[in-house]
């Protein structure tokens, strides 16, 4: 386990794919650098399949988003793949604004994230638009008295 003031990272593996469980804050000046360095230590020796579990990530700022996008691009450019799962609903609006789902595959749970690395397995991607629409009041409902 890697420990930093803002972010703890626990590494594990499932079906040959590295999974990092993030606990804490993915924010500028701490969590973002910690994650980047941790992932780089996996990437350098040849890891090209990575899953990030964001279930216990309580805060993500623009620096954290930037690191996620940078790492996903690094994996994609090397012929690999980085995916996310357990995206907290509290971060849904931020992900929508950043259009994160267009750059990084996001899944509801670990099984779908793992299965996304195997073309013959069926997976359901996280639909951020569906989430936002289900949690934003419709205009008709707001104007009713």
N, C-alpha and C. Protein backbone atom coordinates (compact mmCIF):
# COMPACT_ATOMS: atom_id res chain seq x y z
N UNK A 1 0.85 -1.17 0.00
CA UNK A 1 0.00 0.00 0.00
C UNK A 1 0.89 1.23 0.00
N UNK A 2 0.49 2.21 -0.79
CA UNK A 2 1.19 3.48 -0.87
C UNK A 2 0.37 4.49 -0.09
N UNK A 3 1.01 5.20 0.82
CA UNK A 3 0.29 6.14 1.67
C UNK A 3 0.82 7.55 1.45
N UNK A 4 -0.09 8.47 1.29
CA UNK A 4 0.22 9.90 1.19
C UNK A 4 -0.80 10.64 2.04
N UNK A 5 -0.47 11.86 2.40
CA UNK A 5 -1.35 12.67 3.24
C UNK A 5 -2.79 12.72 2.71
N UNK A 6 -2.96 12.83 1.39
CA UNK A 6 -4.29 12.97 0.79
C UNK A 6 -4.86 11.67 0.23
N UNK A 7 -3.99 10.73 -0.17
CA UNK A 7 -4.45 9.57 -0.92
C UNK A 7 -3.68 8.32 -0.55
N UNK A 8 -4.43 7.25 -0.26
CA UNK A 8 -3.84 5.93 -0.06
C UNK A 8 -4.17 5.09 -1.29
N UNK A 9 -3.22 4.30 -1.74
CA UNK A 9 -3.42 3.47 -2.91
C UNK A 9 -3.04 2.04 -2.55
N UNK A 10 -3.99 1.14 -2.74
CA UNK A 10 -3.74 -0.28 -2.51
C UNK A 10 -3.78 -0.98 -3.86
N UNK A 11 -2.76 -1.78 -4.13
CA UNK A 11 -2.68 -2.49 -5.40
C UNK A 11 -3.05 -3.95 -5.22
N UNK A 12 -3.81 -4.47 -6.19
CA UNK A 12 -4.15 -5.88 -6.22
C UNK A 12 -4.28 -6.29 -7.67
N UNK A 13 -4.60 -7.54 -7.90
CA UNK A 13 -4.70 -8.03 -9.27
C UNK A 13 -5.89 -8.96 -9.40
N UNK A 14 -6.53 -8.93 -10.57
CA UNK A 14 -7.63 -9.84 -10.86
C UNK A 14 -7.53 -10.24 -12.33
N UNK A 15 -7.44 -11.52 -12.57
CA UNK A 15 -7.32 -12.07 -13.92
C UNK A 15 -6.16 -11.42 -14.69
N UNK A 16 -5.07 -11.16 -14.01
CA UNK A 16 -3.88 -10.61 -14.64
C UNK A 16 -3.91 -9.11 -14.87
N UNK A 17 -4.94 -8.44 -14.38
CA UNK A 17 -5.08 -7.00 -14.57
C UNK A 17 -4.84 -6.30 -13.25
N UNK A 18 -3.97 -5.30 -13.25
CA UNK A 18 -3.69 -4.53 -12.04
C UNK A 18 -4.89 -3.65 -11.70
N UNK A 19 -5.24 -3.65 -10.41
CA UNK A 19 -6.32 -2.80 -9.91
C UNK A 19 -5.77 -1.96 -8.77
N UNK A 20 -6.02 -0.66 -8.85
CA UNK A 20 -5.62 0.24 -7.77
C UNK A 20 -6.87 0.75 -7.07
N UNK A 21 -6.96 0.50 -5.77
CA UNK A 21 -8.05 1.01 -4.95
C UNK A 21 -7.59 2.33 -4.35
N UNK A 22 -8.29 3.41 -4.69
CA UNK A 22 -7.91 4.74 -4.22
C UNK A 22 -8.77 5.12 -3.02
N UNK A 23 -8.13 5.60 -1.96
CA UNK A 23 -8.83 6.00 -0.73
C UNK A 23 -8.39 7.42 -0.38
N UNK A 24 -9.33 8.35 -0.39
CA UNK A 24 -9.00 9.71 0.02
C UNK A 24 -9.33 10.73 -1.04
N UNK A 25 -8.43 11.68 -1.23
CA UNK A 25 -8.68 12.81 -2.12
C UNK A 25 -7.68 12.79 -3.28
N UNK A 26 -8.22 12.92 -4.47
CA UNK A 26 -7.40 13.03 -5.67
C UNK A 26 -7.38 14.51 -6.04
N UNK A 27 -6.48 15.24 -5.37
CA UNK A 27 -6.45 16.70 -5.48
C UNK A 27 -5.03 17.19 -5.77
N UNK A 28 -4.95 18.45 -6.22
CA UNK A 28 -3.67 19.06 -6.55
C UNK A 28 -2.73 19.10 -5.34
N UNK A 29 -1.48 18.82 -5.61
CA UNK A 29 -0.46 18.95 -4.60
C UNK A 29 -0.29 17.73 -3.71
N UNK A 30 -0.89 16.67 -4.05
CA UNK A 30 -0.74 15.48 -3.21
C UNK A 30 -1.26 14.26 -3.91
N UNK A 31 -2.56 14.11 -3.91
CA UNK A 31 -3.16 12.93 -4.49
C UNK A 31 -2.87 12.76 -5.96
N UNK A 32 -2.86 13.87 -6.70
CA UNK A 32 -2.61 13.78 -8.14
C UNK A 32 -1.20 13.27 -8.43
N UNK A 33 -0.23 13.78 -7.72
CA UNK A 33 1.17 13.37 -7.92
C UNK A 33 1.38 11.94 -7.44
N UNK A 34 0.77 11.60 -6.32
CA UNK A 34 0.88 10.25 -5.78
C UNK A 34 0.35 9.23 -6.77
N UNK A 35 -0.82 9.49 -7.34
CA UNK A 35 -1.40 8.57 -8.31
C UNK A 35 -0.52 8.47 -9.55
N UNK A 36 -0.10 9.60 -10.07
CA UNK A 36 0.74 9.60 -11.28
C UNK A 36 2.01 8.78 -11.06
N UNK A 37 2.67 8.98 -9.93
CA UNK A 37 3.91 8.25 -9.64
C UNK A 37 3.66 6.75 -9.48
N UNK A 38 2.57 6.40 -8.81
CA UNK A 38 2.22 5.00 -8.60
C UNK A 38 1.95 4.31 -9.93
N UNK A 39 1.15 4.95 -10.76
CA UNK A 39 0.82 4.36 -12.06
C UNK A 39 2.06 4.29 -12.94
N UNK A 40 2.91 5.30 -12.88
CA UNK A 40 4.14 5.28 -13.67
C UNK A 40 5.03 4.11 -13.27
N UNK A 41 5.04 3.78 -11.97
CA UNK A 41 5.86 2.65 -11.51
C UNK A 41 5.32 1.32 -12.04
N UNK A 42 4.04 1.25 -12.37
CA UNK A 42 3.47 0.06 -13.00
C UNK A 42 3.69 0.09 -14.51
N UNK A 43 3.56 1.27 -15.10
CA UNK A 43 3.64 1.44 -16.55
C UNK A 43 5.06 1.17 -17.07
N UNK A 44 6.07 1.70 -16.39
CA UNK A 44 7.45 1.58 -16.86
C UNK A 44 7.90 0.14 -17.11
N UNK A 45 7.60 -0.81 -16.21
CA UNK A 45 8.02 -2.19 -16.49
C UNK A 45 7.14 -2.93 -17.49
N UNK A 46 6.10 -2.29 -18.03
CA UNK A 46 5.34 -2.92 -19.09
C UNK A 46 3.87 -3.16 -18.83
N UNK A 47 3.33 -2.73 -17.70
CA UNK A 47 1.90 -2.90 -17.45
C UNK A 47 1.13 -2.02 -18.43
N UNK A 48 0.20 -2.63 -19.15
CA UNK A 48 -0.63 -1.88 -20.10
C UNK A 48 -2.12 -2.10 -19.87
N UNK A 49 -2.47 -2.70 -18.74
CA UNK A 49 -3.87 -2.91 -18.39
C UNK A 49 -4.05 -2.48 -16.93
N UNK A 50 -4.89 -1.46 -16.73
CA UNK A 50 -5.04 -0.92 -15.39
C UNK A 50 -6.49 -0.51 -15.13
N UNK A 51 -6.94 -0.83 -13.91
CA UNK A 51 -8.27 -0.46 -13.46
C UNK A 51 -8.12 0.38 -12.19
N UNK A 52 -8.85 1.49 -12.12
CA UNK A 52 -8.85 2.33 -10.92
C UNK A 52 -10.22 2.26 -10.27
N UNK A 53 -10.24 1.92 -8.97
CA UNK A 53 -11.46 1.86 -8.18
C UNK A 53 -11.60 3.18 -7.43
N UNK A 54 -12.63 3.95 -7.76
CA UNK A 54 -12.82 5.27 -7.17
C UNK A 54 -13.88 5.30 -6.07
N UNK A 55 -14.29 4.13 -5.58
CA UNK A 55 -15.37 4.06 -4.59
C UNK A 55 -15.09 4.89 -3.34
N UNK A 56 -13.85 4.91 -2.90
CA UNK A 56 -13.52 5.62 -1.66
C UNK A 56 -12.72 6.89 -1.92
N UNK A 57 -12.88 7.42 -3.12
CA UNK A 57 -12.26 8.70 -3.46
C UNK A 57 -13.30 9.77 -3.16
N UNK A 58 -13.06 10.53 -2.11
CA UNK A 58 -14.06 11.46 -1.60
C UNK A 58 -14.07 12.81 -2.30
N UNK A 59 -12.96 13.16 -2.92
CA UNK A 59 -12.88 14.47 -3.58
C UNK A 59 -11.95 14.35 -4.77
N UNK A 60 -12.39 14.93 -5.89
CA UNK A 60 -11.56 14.99 -7.09
C UNK A 60 -11.66 16.41 -7.62
N UNK A 61 -10.51 17.07 -7.77
CA UNK A 61 -10.52 18.43 -8.32
C UNK A 61 -10.03 18.38 -9.77
N UNK A 62 -9.83 19.54 -10.37
CA UNK A 62 -9.42 19.58 -11.77
C UNK A 62 -8.04 18.95 -11.99
N UNK A 63 -7.15 19.08 -11.01
CA UNK A 63 -5.83 18.44 -11.13
C UNK A 63 -5.98 16.92 -11.13
N UNK A 64 -6.87 16.42 -10.29
CA UNK A 64 -7.14 14.98 -10.26
C UNK A 64 -7.72 14.50 -11.57
N UNK A 65 -8.67 15.26 -12.12
CA UNK A 65 -9.25 14.93 -13.42
C UNK A 65 -8.17 14.93 -14.49
N UNK A 66 -7.31 15.93 -14.42
CA UNK A 66 -6.22 16.03 -15.40
C UNK A 66 -5.31 14.82 -15.37
N UNK A 67 -5.00 14.35 -14.18
CA UNK A 67 -4.14 13.16 -14.05
C UNK A 67 -4.84 11.94 -14.63
N UNK A 68 -6.12 11.78 -14.34
CA UNK A 68 -6.87 10.64 -14.90
C UNK A 68 -6.84 10.68 -16.42
N UNK A 69 -7.06 11.85 -17.00
CA UNK A 69 -7.05 11.98 -18.46
C UNK A 69 -5.66 11.72 -19.03
N UNK A 70 -4.64 12.26 -18.39
CA UNK A 70 -3.26 12.06 -18.83
C UNK A 70 -2.87 10.58 -18.80
N UNK A 71 -3.20 9.89 -17.72
CA UNK A 71 -2.86 8.48 -17.59
C UNK A 71 -3.61 7.63 -18.61
N UNK A 72 -4.89 7.94 -18.81
CA UNK A 72 -5.68 7.19 -19.80
C UNK A 72 -5.08 7.36 -21.19
N UNK A 73 -4.67 8.57 -21.52
CA UNK A 73 -4.05 8.83 -22.82
C UNK A 73 -2.72 8.09 -22.95
N UNK A 74 -1.93 8.08 -21.89
CA UNK A 74 -0.65 7.38 -21.90
C UNK A 74 -0.86 5.88 -22.18
N UNK A 75 -1.83 5.29 -21.52
CA UNK A 75 -2.12 3.87 -21.74
C UNK A 75 -2.63 3.64 -23.16
N UNK A 76 -3.55 4.48 -23.62
CA UNK A 76 -4.12 4.34 -24.96
C UNK A 76 -3.03 4.48 -26.03
N UNK A 77 -2.14 5.46 -25.89
CA UNK A 77 -1.08 5.67 -26.87
C UNK A 77 -0.07 4.53 -26.93
N UNK A 78 -0.01 3.74 -25.87
CA UNK A 78 0.94 2.61 -25.84
C UNK A 78 0.24 1.29 -26.22
N UNK A 79 -1.02 1.40 -26.65
CA UNK A 79 -1.76 0.19 -27.02
C UNK A 79 -2.42 -0.49 -25.85
N UNK A 80 -2.44 0.17 -24.71
CA UNK A 80 -3.05 -0.41 -23.52
C UNK A 80 -4.39 0.23 -23.22
N UNK A 81 -4.84 0.01 -21.99
CA UNK A 81 -6.14 0.56 -21.59
C UNK A 81 -6.18 0.78 -20.09
N UNK A 82 -6.76 1.92 -19.70
CA UNK A 82 -7.02 2.26 -18.31
C UNK A 82 -8.52 2.53 -18.21
N UNK A 83 -9.18 1.90 -17.23
CA UNK A 83 -10.61 2.11 -17.03
C UNK A 83 -10.88 2.44 -15.56
N UNK A 84 -12.05 3.02 -15.32
CA UNK A 84 -12.48 3.39 -13.97
C UNK A 84 -13.74 2.61 -13.62
N UNK A 85 -13.95 2.40 -12.31
CA UNK A 85 -15.24 1.89 -11.85
C UNK A 85 -15.52 2.44 -10.47
N UNK A 86 -16.77 2.24 -10.05
CA UNK A 86 -17.23 2.75 -8.75
C UNK A 86 -17.11 4.27 -8.68
N UNK A 87 -17.50 4.93 -9.74
CA UNK A 87 -17.48 6.38 -9.74
C UNK A 87 -18.59 6.86 -8.81
N UNK A 88 -18.23 7.64 -7.82
CA UNK A 88 -19.20 8.12 -6.83
C UNK A 88 -20.22 9.03 -7.50
N UNK A 89 -21.47 8.85 -7.16
CA UNK A 89 -22.52 9.68 -7.73
C UNK A 89 -22.30 11.16 -7.40
N UNK A 90 -21.64 11.45 -6.31
CA UNK A 90 -21.39 12.85 -5.96
C UNK A 90 -20.45 13.52 -6.95
N UNK A 91 -19.68 12.71 -7.70
CA UNK A 91 -18.77 13.27 -8.70
C UNK A 91 -19.39 13.29 -10.09
N UNK A 92 -20.61 12.81 -10.22
CA UNK A 92 -21.26 12.69 -11.52
C UNK A 92 -21.30 13.98 -12.31
N UNK A 93 -21.66 15.08 -11.68
CA UNK A 93 -21.75 16.36 -12.37
C UNK A 93 -20.37 16.82 -12.86
N UNK A 94 -19.34 16.61 -12.05
CA UNK A 94 -17.98 16.99 -12.44
C UNK A 94 -17.54 16.18 -13.65
N UNK A 95 -17.83 14.87 -13.64
CA UNK A 95 -17.46 14.03 -14.78
C UNK A 95 -18.20 14.47 -16.04
N UNK A 96 -19.45 14.84 -15.87
CA UNK A 96 -20.23 15.29 -17.02
C UNK A 96 -19.62 16.57 -17.60
N UNK A 97 -19.28 17.52 -16.74
CA UNK A 97 -18.70 18.78 -17.21
C UNK A 97 -17.36 18.57 -17.88
N UNK A 98 -16.57 17.66 -17.37
CA UNK A 98 -15.24 17.39 -17.93
C UNK A 98 -15.31 16.48 -19.15
N UNK A 99 -16.51 15.93 -19.41
CA UNK A 99 -16.70 14.98 -20.51
C UNK A 99 -15.74 13.80 -20.37
N UNK A 100 -15.54 13.40 -19.13
CA UNK A 100 -14.59 12.33 -18.83
C UNK A 100 -14.97 11.02 -19.51
N UNK A 101 -16.27 10.74 -19.61
CA UNK A 101 -16.70 9.47 -20.19
C UNK A 101 -16.35 9.35 -21.66
N UNK A 102 -16.04 10.46 -22.33
CA UNK A 102 -15.63 10.38 -23.73
C UNK A 102 -14.16 10.01 -23.87
N UNK A 103 -13.38 10.16 -22.81
CA UNK A 103 -11.95 9.88 -22.87
C UNK A 103 -11.54 8.63 -22.11
N UNK A 104 -12.35 8.24 -21.12
CA UNK A 104 -12.01 7.09 -20.28
C UNK A 104 -13.25 6.22 -20.14
N UNK A 105 -13.06 4.92 -20.30
CA UNK A 105 -14.17 4.00 -20.09
C UNK A 105 -14.48 3.93 -18.60
N UNK A 106 -15.77 4.05 -18.27
CA UNK A 106 -16.22 4.03 -16.88
C UNK A 106 -17.25 2.92 -16.73
N UNK A 107 -17.08 2.10 -15.70
CA UNK A 107 -17.97 0.97 -15.45
C UNK A 107 -18.57 1.08 -14.05
N UNK A 108 -19.73 0.44 -13.89
CA UNK A 108 -20.44 0.48 -12.61
C UNK A 108 -19.73 -0.34 -11.53
N UNK A 109 -19.18 -1.49 -11.92
CA UNK A 109 -18.59 -2.37 -10.91
C UNK A 109 -17.33 -3.03 -11.43
N UNK A 110 -16.65 -3.72 -10.52
CA UNK A 110 -15.36 -4.32 -10.83
C UNK A 110 -15.47 -5.40 -11.91
N UNK A 111 -16.50 -6.21 -11.84
CA UNK A 111 -16.65 -7.28 -12.82
C UNK A 111 -16.76 -6.73 -14.24
N UNK A 112 -17.56 -5.70 -14.44
CA UNK A 112 -17.67 -5.09 -15.76
C UNK A 112 -16.34 -4.47 -16.20
N UNK A 113 -15.64 -3.85 -15.27
CA UNK A 113 -14.34 -3.25 -15.60
C UNK A 113 -13.36 -4.33 -16.05
N UNK A 114 -13.29 -5.43 -15.32
CA UNK A 114 -12.39 -6.53 -15.68
C UNK A 114 -12.81 -7.13 -17.03
N UNK A 115 -14.09 -7.37 -17.18
CA UNK A 115 -14.58 -7.97 -18.42
C UNK A 115 -14.32 -7.11 -19.65
N UNK A 116 -14.16 -5.80 -19.46
CA UNK A 116 -13.92 -4.90 -20.60
C UNK A 116 -12.58 -5.19 -21.27
N UNK A 117 -11.70 -5.90 -20.60
CA UNK A 117 -10.40 -6.25 -21.18
C UNK A 117 -10.46 -7.52 -22.01
N UNK A 118 -11.61 -8.18 -22.01
CA UNK A 118 -11.78 -9.44 -22.72
C UNK A 118 -12.89 -9.25 -23.76
N UNK A 119 -12.53 -9.17 -25.04
CA UNK A 119 -13.51 -8.84 -26.08
C UNK A 119 -14.71 -9.79 -26.17
N UNK A 120 -14.57 -11.01 -25.73
CA UNK A 120 -15.66 -11.97 -25.84
C UNK A 120 -16.66 -11.89 -24.68
N UNK A 121 -16.42 -11.00 -23.73
CA UNK A 121 -17.31 -10.86 -22.57
C UNK A 121 -18.20 -9.63 -22.72
N UNK A 122 -19.44 -9.76 -22.30
CA UNK A 122 -20.39 -8.66 -22.38
C UNK A 122 -20.20 -7.73 -21.17
N UNK A 123 -20.18 -6.43 -21.44
CA UNK A 123 -20.05 -5.46 -20.36
C UNK A 123 -21.02 -4.30 -20.58
N UNK A 124 -21.39 -3.68 -19.49
CA UNK A 124 -22.25 -2.50 -19.54
C UNK A 124 -21.44 -1.31 -19.06
N UNK A 125 -21.30 -0.31 -19.92
CA UNK A 125 -20.56 0.89 -19.53
C UNK A 125 -21.43 1.80 -18.70
N UNK A 126 -20.79 2.55 -17.84
CA UNK A 126 -21.46 3.54 -17.00
C UNK A 126 -21.94 4.67 -17.90
N UNK A 127 -23.19 5.01 -17.79
CA UNK A 127 -23.77 6.07 -18.62
C UNK A 127 -23.96 7.32 -17.76
N UNK A 128 -23.04 8.25 -17.87
CA UNK A 128 -23.08 9.45 -17.03
C UNK A 128 -24.30 10.30 -17.36
N UNK A 129 -24.70 10.34 -18.63
CA UNK A 129 -25.87 11.12 -19.00
C UNK A 129 -27.12 10.54 -18.34
N UNK A 130 -27.24 9.22 -18.33
CA UNK A 130 -28.37 8.58 -17.67
C UNK A 130 -28.40 8.94 -16.19
N UNK A 131 -27.24 8.94 -15.55
CA UNK A 131 -27.17 9.29 -14.13
C UNK A 131 -27.64 10.73 -13.90
N UNK A 132 -27.09 11.65 -14.68
CA UNK A 132 -27.41 13.07 -14.48
C UNK A 132 -28.89 13.31 -14.73
N UNK A 133 -29.42 12.74 -15.79
CA UNK A 133 -30.84 12.94 -16.09
C UNK A 133 -31.74 12.38 -14.99
N UNK A 134 -31.32 11.31 -14.36
CA UNK A 134 -32.15 10.71 -13.31
C UNK A 134 -32.06 11.48 -11.99
N UNK A 135 -31.07 12.37 -11.85
CA UNK A 135 -30.90 13.10 -10.60
C UNK A 135 -31.15 14.60 -10.72
N UNK A 136 -31.47 15.06 -11.92
CA UNK A 136 -31.76 16.47 -12.12
C UNK A 136 -33.27 16.61 -12.28
N UNK A 137 -33.90 17.46 -11.49
CA UNK A 137 -35.36 17.63 -11.61
C UNK A 137 -35.72 18.17 -13.00
N UNK A 138 -36.79 17.65 -13.55
CA UNK A 138 -37.28 18.15 -14.82
C UNK A 138 -37.94 19.50 -14.59
N UNK A 139 -37.91 20.37 -15.60
CA UNK A 139 -38.49 21.70 -15.47
C UNK A 139 -39.95 21.63 -15.08
N UNK A 140 -40.69 20.69 -15.66
CA UNK A 140 -42.11 20.57 -15.35
C UNK A 140 -42.34 20.33 -13.87
N UNK A 141 -41.49 19.51 -13.25
CA UNK A 141 -41.65 19.21 -11.84
C UNK A 141 -41.27 20.40 -10.97
N UNK A 142 -40.30 21.20 -11.41
CA UNK A 142 -39.87 22.34 -10.61
C UNK A 142 -40.95 23.43 -10.56
N UNK A 143 -41.72 23.58 -11.63
CA UNK A 143 -42.68 24.67 -11.72
C UNK A 143 -44.05 24.31 -11.19
N UNK A 144 -44.24 23.10 -10.76
CA UNK A 144 -45.53 22.71 -10.21
C UNK A 144 -45.69 23.28 -8.81
N UNK A 145 -46.90 23.63 -8.46
CA UNK A 145 -47.14 24.18 -7.11
C UNK A 145 -48.02 23.26 -6.33
